[in-house]
N, C-alpha and C. Protein backbone atom coordinates (compact mmCIF):
# COMPACT_ATOMS: atom_id res chain seq x y z
N MET A 1 4.16 26.64 -66.47
CA MET A 1 3.57 27.62 -65.61
C MET A 1 4.58 28.84 -65.59
N ARG A 2 5.87 28.53 -65.63
CA ARG A 2 6.66 29.71 -65.62
C ARG A 2 6.64 30.54 -66.93
N LYS A 3 6.35 29.83 -68.04
CA LYS A 3 6.15 30.65 -69.15
C LYS A 3 4.98 31.36 -69.30
N ILE A 4 3.87 30.86 -68.71
CA ILE A 4 2.65 31.68 -68.63
C ILE A 4 2.83 33.02 -67.70
N ILE A 5 3.61 32.89 -66.72
CA ILE A 5 3.88 34.04 -65.64
C ILE A 5 4.74 34.99 -66.53
N THR A 6 5.87 34.45 -67.26
CA THR A 6 6.49 35.28 -68.07
C THR A 6 5.87 36.18 -69.04
N ILE A 7 4.94 35.47 -69.70
CA ILE A 7 4.08 36.17 -70.86
C ILE A 7 3.16 37.35 -70.11
N ILE A 8 2.52 36.90 -68.88
CA ILE A 8 1.65 37.98 -68.38
C ILE A 8 2.49 39.07 -67.82
N TYR A 9 3.72 38.91 -67.31
CA TYR A 9 4.46 39.98 -66.81
C TYR A 9 4.87 40.80 -67.86
N LEU A 10 5.48 40.23 -69.09
CA LEU A 10 5.71 40.95 -70.01
C LEU A 10 4.51 41.92 -70.53
N LEU A 11 3.32 41.31 -70.68
CA LEU A 11 2.15 42.05 -71.12
C LEU A 11 1.89 43.34 -70.08
N PHE A 12 2.03 42.97 -68.75
CA PHE A 12 2.06 43.87 -67.75
C PHE A 12 2.94 45.23 -68.04
N CYS A 13 4.09 44.82 -68.37
CA CYS A 13 5.04 45.80 -68.38
C CYS A 13 4.98 46.75 -69.82
N ALA A 14 4.46 46.06 -70.78
CA ALA A 14 4.21 46.65 -72.02
C ALA A 14 3.50 47.90 -71.99
N HIS A 15 3.94 48.87 -72.81
CA HIS A 15 3.26 50.17 -72.87
C HIS A 15 2.60 50.39 -74.28
N ALA A 16 2.27 49.33 -74.90
CA ALA A 16 1.86 49.51 -76.31
C ALA A 16 0.31 49.83 -76.00
N GLY A 17 -0.42 50.42 -76.91
CA GLY A 17 -1.76 50.53 -76.81
C GLY A 17 -2.46 49.23 -77.10
N TYR A 18 -3.75 49.18 -76.44
CA TYR A 18 -4.56 48.01 -76.73
C TYR A 18 -6.11 48.44 -76.61
N SER A 19 -6.79 47.69 -77.25
CA SER A 19 -8.35 48.01 -77.24
C SER A 19 -8.81 47.71 -75.82
N GLN A 20 -9.89 48.34 -75.39
CA GLN A 20 -10.42 48.12 -73.80
C GLN A 20 -10.80 46.55 -73.70
N CYS A 21 -11.28 45.90 -74.77
CA CYS A 21 -11.74 44.66 -74.33
C CYS A 21 -11.13 43.56 -75.21
N ASN A 22 -9.70 43.60 -75.21
CA ASN A 22 -8.70 42.85 -75.84
C ASN A 22 -8.65 41.46 -75.05
N ILE A 23 -9.58 40.57 -75.14
CA ILE A 23 -9.64 39.41 -74.49
C ILE A 23 -8.69 38.23 -75.01
N GLN A 24 -7.85 37.59 -74.02
CA GLN A 24 -7.09 36.77 -74.63
C GLN A 24 -7.73 35.47 -74.05
N SER A 25 -7.10 34.36 -74.56
CA SER A 25 -7.72 33.01 -73.95
C SER A 25 -6.42 31.91 -73.91
N ASN A 26 -6.68 31.07 -73.15
CA ASN A 26 -5.73 30.01 -72.64
C ASN A 26 -6.40 28.70 -72.82
N ASN A 27 -6.22 27.75 -73.60
CA ASN A 27 -6.80 26.52 -73.62
C ASN A 27 -6.03 25.68 -72.63
N LYS A 28 -6.72 25.20 -71.58
CA LYS A 28 -5.98 24.12 -70.74
C LYS A 28 -6.03 22.80 -71.17
N PRO A 29 -5.06 21.89 -70.69
CA PRO A 29 -5.09 20.50 -71.01
C PRO A 29 -6.38 19.66 -70.69
N ASN A 30 -7.22 20.19 -69.67
CA ASN A 30 -8.41 19.45 -69.30
C ASN A 30 -9.52 20.00 -70.24
N GLY A 31 -9.28 20.70 -71.20
CA GLY A 31 -10.40 21.15 -72.00
C GLY A 31 -11.00 22.50 -71.72
N SER A 32 -10.79 22.87 -70.49
CA SER A 32 -11.43 24.38 -70.15
C SER A 32 -10.68 25.40 -70.86
N VAL A 33 -11.30 26.62 -71.05
CA VAL A 33 -10.85 27.77 -71.63
C VAL A 33 -10.72 28.88 -70.75
N VAL A 34 -9.63 29.50 -70.30
CA VAL A 34 -9.30 30.76 -69.35
C VAL A 34 -9.37 31.91 -70.25
N ARG A 35 -10.28 32.73 -69.94
CA ARG A 35 -10.25 34.03 -70.75
C ARG A 35 -9.75 35.08 -69.82
N TYR A 36 -9.02 36.06 -70.27
CA TYR A 36 -8.39 37.17 -69.35
C TYR A 36 -8.11 38.39 -70.12
N LEU A 37 -7.82 39.46 -69.28
CA LEU A 37 -7.45 40.64 -70.02
C LEU A 37 -6.05 40.98 -69.45
N ARG A 38 -5.40 41.88 -70.07
CA ARG A 38 -3.99 42.23 -69.96
C ARG A 38 -3.98 42.99 -68.49
N PRO A 39 -3.03 42.69 -67.73
CA PRO A 39 -2.99 43.12 -66.37
C PRO A 39 -2.77 44.85 -66.51
N GLU A 40 -3.18 45.34 -65.59
CA GLU A 40 -2.99 46.86 -65.38
C GLU A 40 -2.37 47.24 -64.13
N MET A 41 -1.52 48.18 -64.15
CA MET A 41 -0.88 48.56 -62.79
C MET A 41 -1.87 49.34 -62.19
N VAL A 42 -2.09 49.12 -60.71
CA VAL A 42 -2.95 49.96 -59.92
C VAL A 42 -2.30 50.69 -58.96
N ALA A 43 -1.19 50.15 -58.41
CA ALA A 43 -0.43 50.76 -57.31
C ALA A 43 1.01 50.44 -57.18
N ALA A 44 1.88 51.40 -56.55
CA ALA A 44 3.12 51.29 -56.49
C ALA A 44 3.62 52.07 -55.16
N ASN A 45 4.55 51.68 -54.63
CA ASN A 45 5.39 52.40 -53.69
C ASN A 45 6.86 52.07 -53.86
N GLU A 46 7.66 52.42 -52.93
CA GLU A 46 9.21 52.36 -52.89
C GLU A 46 9.53 50.65 -52.70
N LYS A 47 8.55 49.88 -52.41
CA LYS A 47 8.78 48.46 -52.19
C LYS A 47 8.17 47.56 -53.32
N LEU A 48 7.18 47.97 -53.82
CA LEU A 48 6.49 46.94 -54.82
C LEU A 48 5.70 47.83 -55.89
N GLU A 49 5.27 47.12 -56.96
CA GLU A 49 4.39 47.57 -57.81
C GLU A 49 3.25 46.43 -58.00
N VAL A 50 1.92 46.66 -58.27
CA VAL A 50 0.78 45.85 -58.09
C VAL A 50 -0.05 45.94 -59.43
N GLY A 51 -0.50 44.92 -60.20
CA GLY A 51 -1.16 44.98 -61.44
C GLY A 51 -2.26 44.05 -61.19
N PHE A 52 -3.57 44.34 -61.76
CA PHE A 52 -4.68 43.54 -61.61
C PHE A 52 -5.09 43.08 -63.07
N SER A 53 -5.57 41.67 -63.15
CA SER A 53 -6.10 41.26 -64.22
C SER A 53 -7.42 40.25 -64.08
N MET A 54 -8.43 40.66 -64.52
CA MET A 54 -9.66 39.79 -64.26
C MET A 54 -9.33 38.50 -65.23
N GLN A 55 -9.99 37.35 -64.83
CA GLN A 55 -10.04 36.08 -65.55
C GLN A 55 -11.15 35.17 -65.23
N THR A 56 -11.65 34.47 -66.23
CA THR A 56 -12.82 33.64 -66.05
C THR A 56 -12.42 32.30 -66.78
N ASN A 57 -13.24 31.19 -66.15
CA ASN A 57 -13.26 29.87 -66.86
C ASN A 57 -14.57 29.75 -67.44
N GLY A 58 -15.35 30.82 -67.34
CA GLY A 58 -16.91 30.49 -67.88
C GLY A 58 -17.94 30.48 -66.56
N SER A 59 -17.47 29.78 -65.48
CA SER A 59 -18.31 29.76 -64.43
C SER A 59 -17.73 30.50 -63.07
N ASN A 60 -16.58 30.59 -63.13
CA ASN A 60 -15.88 31.53 -61.82
C ASN A 60 -15.06 32.66 -62.43
N TYR A 61 -15.02 33.55 -61.48
CA TYR A 61 -14.20 34.72 -61.92
C TYR A 61 -13.03 34.86 -60.84
N TYR A 62 -11.91 35.31 -61.44
CA TYR A 62 -10.62 35.19 -60.67
C TYR A 62 -10.00 36.60 -60.82
N LEU A 63 -9.31 37.10 -59.66
CA LEU A 63 -8.39 38.24 -59.71
C LEU A 63 -6.94 37.79 -59.80
N ALA A 64 -6.40 38.01 -60.83
CA ALA A 64 -4.92 37.79 -61.00
C ALA A 64 -4.14 38.96 -60.58
N THR A 65 -3.37 38.93 -59.54
CA THR A 65 -2.65 39.93 -59.04
C THR A 65 -1.09 39.77 -59.33
N ILE A 66 -0.49 40.65 -60.13
CA ILE A 66 0.99 40.46 -60.23
C ILE A 66 1.78 41.52 -59.16
N ILE A 67 2.63 41.07 -58.43
CA ILE A 67 3.24 41.77 -57.50
C ILE A 67 4.71 41.66 -57.85
N ARG A 68 5.27 42.97 -58.23
CA ARG A 68 6.76 43.06 -58.52
C ARG A 68 7.44 43.76 -57.26
N TYR A 69 8.19 43.10 -56.56
CA TYR A 69 8.96 43.48 -55.33
C TYR A 69 10.11 44.12 -55.85
N LEU A 70 10.55 45.36 -55.46
CA LEU A 70 11.54 46.04 -55.91
C LEU A 70 12.79 45.85 -54.98
N ASN A 71 12.57 45.20 -53.87
CA ASN A 71 13.68 44.72 -52.84
C ASN A 71 13.31 43.28 -52.35
N LEU A 72 13.13 43.22 -51.18
CA LEU A 72 12.72 41.85 -50.71
C LEU A 72 11.43 41.41 -50.97
N ALA A 73 11.21 40.25 -51.30
CA ALA A 73 9.94 39.60 -51.67
C ALA A 73 9.28 38.96 -50.51
N TYR A 74 7.95 39.13 -50.24
CA TYR A 74 7.28 38.61 -49.17
C TYR A 74 6.12 37.63 -49.92
N ALA A 75 6.15 36.45 -49.26
CA ALA A 75 4.94 35.68 -49.79
C ALA A 75 3.47 36.42 -49.55
N PRO A 76 2.80 36.44 -50.62
CA PRO A 76 1.62 37.12 -50.35
C PRO A 76 0.50 36.24 -49.63
N GLY A 77 -0.41 36.84 -48.95
CA GLY A 77 -1.57 36.23 -48.44
C GLY A 77 -2.91 36.78 -49.00
N ASN A 78 -3.82 36.90 -47.87
CA ASN A 78 -5.05 37.26 -48.36
C ASN A 78 -4.85 38.83 -48.85
N LEU A 79 -5.86 39.19 -49.50
CA LEU A 79 -5.86 40.65 -50.11
C LEU A 79 -7.24 41.46 -49.68
N THR A 80 -7.02 42.55 -49.16
CA THR A 80 -8.02 43.37 -48.89
C THR A 80 -8.13 44.53 -49.71
N ILE A 81 -9.26 44.81 -50.37
CA ILE A 81 -9.56 45.80 -51.37
C ILE A 81 -10.77 46.71 -50.89
N SER A 82 -10.61 47.96 -50.81
CA SER A 82 -11.71 48.81 -50.38
C SER A 82 -11.99 49.72 -51.55
N ASN A 83 -13.21 50.08 -51.77
CA ASN A 83 -13.60 51.16 -52.75
C ASN A 83 -13.96 52.43 -52.16
N ASP A 84 -14.29 53.44 -53.09
CA ASP A 84 -14.68 54.60 -52.69
C ASP A 84 -15.99 54.84 -51.88
N LEU A 85 -16.77 53.57 -51.89
CA LEU A 85 -18.01 53.78 -51.07
C LEU A 85 -17.59 53.10 -49.76
N ASN A 86 -16.56 52.96 -49.37
CA ASN A 86 -16.04 52.29 -48.05
C ASN A 86 -16.55 50.82 -48.04
N GLN A 87 -16.66 50.05 -48.91
CA GLN A 87 -17.07 48.78 -49.06
C GLN A 87 -15.80 47.96 -49.17
N THR A 88 -15.56 46.94 -48.40
CA THR A 88 -14.33 45.99 -48.42
C THR A 88 -14.54 44.63 -48.76
N SER A 89 -13.63 44.14 -49.40
CA SER A 89 -13.66 42.61 -50.00
C SER A 89 -12.38 42.08 -49.24
N ILE A 90 -12.41 40.99 -48.66
CA ILE A 90 -11.19 40.32 -48.21
C ILE A 90 -11.14 39.10 -49.25
N LEU A 91 -10.22 39.09 -50.00
CA LEU A 91 -10.06 37.94 -50.98
C LEU A 91 -8.99 36.84 -50.36
N LYS A 92 -9.50 35.81 -50.49
CA LYS A 92 -8.65 34.52 -49.89
C LYS A 92 -7.70 34.17 -51.08
N LEU A 93 -6.63 33.88 -50.61
CA LEU A 93 -5.39 33.39 -51.58
C LEU A 93 -5.88 32.10 -52.11
N PHE A 94 -5.81 31.84 -53.46
CA PHE A 94 -6.11 30.60 -54.08
C PHE A 94 -4.91 30.07 -54.57
N ARG A 95 -3.98 30.68 -55.16
CA ARG A 95 -2.73 30.06 -55.72
C ARG A 95 -1.79 31.40 -55.77
N ALA A 96 -0.36 31.02 -55.62
CA ALA A 96 0.63 32.06 -55.74
C ALA A 96 1.85 31.24 -56.13
N GLU A 97 2.53 31.89 -57.02
CA GLU A 97 4.02 31.44 -57.52
C GLU A 97 4.90 32.54 -57.67
N LYS A 98 6.04 32.34 -57.31
CA LYS A 98 7.04 33.10 -57.35
C LYS A 98 7.90 32.84 -58.38
N THR A 99 8.50 34.07 -59.08
CA THR A 99 9.57 33.73 -60.09
C THR A 99 10.39 34.91 -60.04
N TYR A 100 11.52 35.00 -60.88
CA TYR A 100 12.39 36.22 -60.93
C TYR A 100 12.62 36.54 -62.31
N LEU A 101 12.05 37.73 -62.48
CA LEU A 101 11.97 38.34 -63.96
C LEU A 101 12.58 39.70 -64.02
N ASN A 102 13.43 39.94 -64.99
CA ASN A 102 13.90 41.27 -65.36
C ASN A 102 14.61 41.83 -64.07
N GLY A 103 15.34 41.12 -63.23
CA GLY A 103 15.98 41.49 -62.04
C GLY A 103 15.12 41.85 -60.88
N SER A 104 13.84 41.35 -60.86
CA SER A 104 12.98 41.50 -59.78
C SER A 104 12.30 40.19 -59.43
N ASN A 105 12.12 39.97 -57.96
CA ASN A 105 11.20 39.00 -57.62
C ASN A 105 9.66 39.28 -58.00
N VAL A 106 8.92 38.49 -58.65
CA VAL A 106 7.61 38.53 -59.07
C VAL A 106 6.72 37.45 -58.45
N TYR A 107 5.73 37.86 -57.93
CA TYR A 107 4.61 36.85 -57.57
C TYR A 107 3.33 36.98 -58.70
N LEU A 108 2.88 35.84 -59.06
CA LEU A 108 1.60 35.92 -59.47
C LEU A 108 0.79 35.13 -58.62
N VAL A 109 -0.32 35.92 -58.18
CA VAL A 109 -1.28 35.44 -57.25
C VAL A 109 -2.67 35.64 -57.87
N VAL A 110 -3.40 34.49 -57.47
CA VAL A 110 -4.81 34.20 -57.97
C VAL A 110 -5.82 34.23 -56.65
N TYR A 111 -6.74 35.12 -56.63
CA TYR A 111 -7.79 35.05 -55.78
C TYR A 111 -9.22 34.76 -56.44
N ILE A 112 -9.82 33.83 -55.95
CA ILE A 112 -11.32 33.58 -56.51
C ILE A 112 -12.19 34.56 -55.93
N LEU A 113 -13.15 34.97 -56.97
CA LEU A 113 -14.02 36.23 -56.57
C LEU A 113 -15.42 35.66 -56.61
N SER A 114 -16.11 36.00 -55.27
CA SER A 114 -17.37 35.43 -55.18
C SER A 114 -18.43 36.63 -55.67
N LYS A 115 -19.64 36.29 -55.97
CA LYS A 115 -20.67 37.12 -56.48
C LYS A 115 -20.63 38.40 -55.86
N GLN A 116 -20.53 38.29 -54.54
CA GLN A 116 -20.44 39.55 -53.46
C GLN A 116 -19.45 40.31 -53.75
N ASP A 117 -18.15 39.65 -53.95
CA ASP A 117 -16.88 40.43 -54.03
C ASP A 117 -17.15 41.15 -55.50
N ILE A 118 -17.52 40.60 -56.54
CA ILE A 118 -17.74 41.27 -57.69
C ILE A 118 -18.62 42.34 -57.57
N LYS A 119 -19.62 42.21 -56.93
CA LYS A 119 -20.70 43.35 -56.83
C LYS A 119 -19.88 44.64 -56.02
N ARG A 120 -19.20 44.37 -54.97
CA ARG A 120 -18.48 45.31 -54.26
C ARG A 120 -17.37 45.97 -55.15
N LEU A 121 -16.71 45.21 -55.69
CA LEU A 121 -15.50 45.72 -56.41
C LEU A 121 -15.82 46.37 -57.79
N THR A 122 -17.04 46.22 -58.25
CA THR A 122 -17.41 46.77 -59.57
C THR A 122 -18.45 48.02 -59.23
N SER A 123 -18.80 48.23 -58.12
CA SER A 123 -19.77 49.31 -57.77
C SER A 123 -19.24 50.69 -57.59
N SER A 124 -17.76 50.76 -57.47
CA SER A 124 -17.18 52.18 -57.37
C SER A 124 -15.71 51.85 -57.64
N ASN A 125 -15.06 52.97 -57.66
CA ASN A 125 -13.61 52.85 -58.04
C ASN A 125 -12.84 52.44 -56.74
N LEU A 126 -11.82 51.65 -57.07
CA LEU A 126 -10.77 51.12 -55.97
C LEU A 126 -10.21 52.24 -55.19
N LYS A 127 -10.02 52.12 -53.96
CA LYS A 127 -9.55 52.98 -53.14
C LYS A 127 -8.00 52.66 -52.53
N TYR A 128 -8.04 51.46 -51.75
CA TYR A 128 -6.73 50.94 -51.31
C TYR A 128 -6.90 49.55 -51.70
N ILE A 129 -5.46 48.94 -51.35
CA ILE A 129 -5.23 47.74 -51.24
C ILE A 129 -4.43 47.32 -50.06
N VAL A 130 -4.64 45.90 -49.46
CA VAL A 130 -3.88 45.80 -48.33
C VAL A 130 -3.39 44.37 -48.35
N PHE A 131 -2.21 44.10 -48.45
CA PHE A 131 -1.67 42.72 -48.49
C PHE A 131 -1.41 42.21 -47.15
N LYS A 132 -1.74 40.94 -46.86
CA LYS A 132 -1.28 40.23 -45.53
C LYS A 132 0.15 40.04 -45.47
N THR A 133 0.96 40.85 -45.61
CA THR A 133 2.37 40.68 -45.60
C THR A 133 2.97 42.06 -45.15
N ALA A 134 3.95 41.85 -44.37
CA ALA A 134 4.82 43.20 -43.81
C ALA A 134 3.84 44.28 -43.74
N ASP A 135 4.05 45.49 -44.11
CA ASP A 135 3.11 46.66 -44.11
C ASP A 135 2.93 47.19 -45.32
N ASN A 136 2.22 46.48 -46.16
CA ASN A 136 2.06 46.74 -47.57
C ASN A 136 0.62 47.16 -47.63
N ILE A 137 0.43 48.37 -47.39
CA ILE A 137 -0.85 49.20 -47.62
C ILE A 137 -0.68 50.22 -48.70
N LEU A 138 -1.37 50.06 -49.78
CA LEU A 138 -1.18 50.84 -51.06
C LEU A 138 -2.47 51.53 -51.23
N ASN A 139 -2.39 52.98 -51.63
CA ASN A 139 -3.56 53.64 -52.14
C ASN A 139 -3.40 53.38 -53.69
N VAL A 140 -4.68 53.01 -54.28
CA VAL A 140 -4.76 52.67 -55.61
C VAL A 140 -4.60 54.13 -56.42
N SER A 141 -3.61 54.09 -57.12
CA SER A 141 -3.19 55.58 -57.77
C SER A 141 -3.63 55.67 -59.31
N LYS A 142 -3.82 54.43 -59.97
CA LYS A 142 -4.30 54.61 -61.39
C LYS A 142 -5.04 53.37 -61.68
N ASN A 143 -5.58 53.45 -62.70
CA ASN A 143 -6.76 52.58 -63.25
C ASN A 143 -7.61 52.06 -62.05
N LYS A 144 -8.19 53.03 -61.48
CA LYS A 144 -8.92 52.61 -60.30
C LYS A 144 -10.39 51.89 -60.69
N ASP A 145 -10.78 51.82 -61.92
CA ASP A 145 -11.99 51.12 -62.36
C ASP A 145 -11.40 49.99 -63.19
N VAL A 146 -10.46 49.48 -62.94
CA VAL A 146 -9.84 48.25 -63.62
C VAL A 146 -10.57 47.03 -63.54
N ILE A 147 -11.12 46.85 -62.53
CA ILE A 147 -11.81 45.52 -62.05
C ILE A 147 -13.31 45.67 -62.62
N ALA A 148 -13.89 46.76 -62.59
CA ALA A 148 -15.12 46.97 -63.12
C ALA A 148 -15.12 46.79 -64.60
N ALA A 149 -14.13 47.65 -65.15
CA ALA A 149 -14.02 47.68 -66.64
C ALA A 149 -13.70 46.28 -67.15
N GLN A 150 -12.95 45.70 -66.65
CA GLN A 150 -12.45 44.28 -67.12
C GLN A 150 -13.70 43.07 -66.88
N TYR A 151 -14.24 43.32 -65.76
CA TYR A 151 -15.37 42.33 -65.53
C TYR A 151 -16.53 42.61 -66.69
N LYS A 152 -16.62 44.00 -66.92
CA LYS A 152 -17.84 44.35 -67.87
C LYS A 152 -17.35 43.58 -69.31
N CYS A 153 -16.04 43.65 -69.63
CA CYS A 153 -15.74 43.06 -71.01
C CYS A 153 -16.01 41.56 -71.00
N LEU A 154 -15.49 40.98 -69.62
CA LEU A 154 -15.63 39.39 -69.75
C LEU A 154 -16.90 38.80 -69.53
N SER A 155 -17.70 39.75 -68.80
CA SER A 155 -19.24 39.21 -68.40
C SER A 155 -20.18 39.35 -69.95
N THR A 156 -19.68 40.42 -70.59
CA THR A 156 -20.46 40.60 -71.87
C THR A 156 -20.05 39.45 -72.93
N LYS A 157 -19.12 38.88 -72.77
CA LYS A 157 -18.75 37.87 -73.70
C LYS A 157 -19.05 36.44 -73.45
N ASP A 158 -19.77 36.13 -72.20
CA ASP A 158 -19.98 34.80 -71.77
C ASP A 158 -21.21 34.45 -72.31
């Protein structure tokens, strides 16, 4: 698992160009295949940086969130995302794993997306995200359409 986190983090940090729908896949030991796209940074402040990546196993969709803490690391909890239409989704924590990469504490956090979450998160640009830790309220400053764009890529390949 640590190897997967390292690969995802390195992809997140890479500045190389890529095609919009460069879907990667990971064959699991149980025979399932997880398809995902490269994480894209969406927000940062003086405490942390956050990137999102959509994933699917063919039947469920997930939002993988990479959180790079620049100082102290807090265990992530539920994630609240609001869009430009003031629609809000509260995503329940599915899995989180902490690692230490390139001098920083990094969490790879996975949230399961319901059909309603997908509808809300793809209907408009992202506005802000709130972590249920400390005072981590972040305005989405770049790649505001990342969830919609990545969902479109993954859903057209199903």
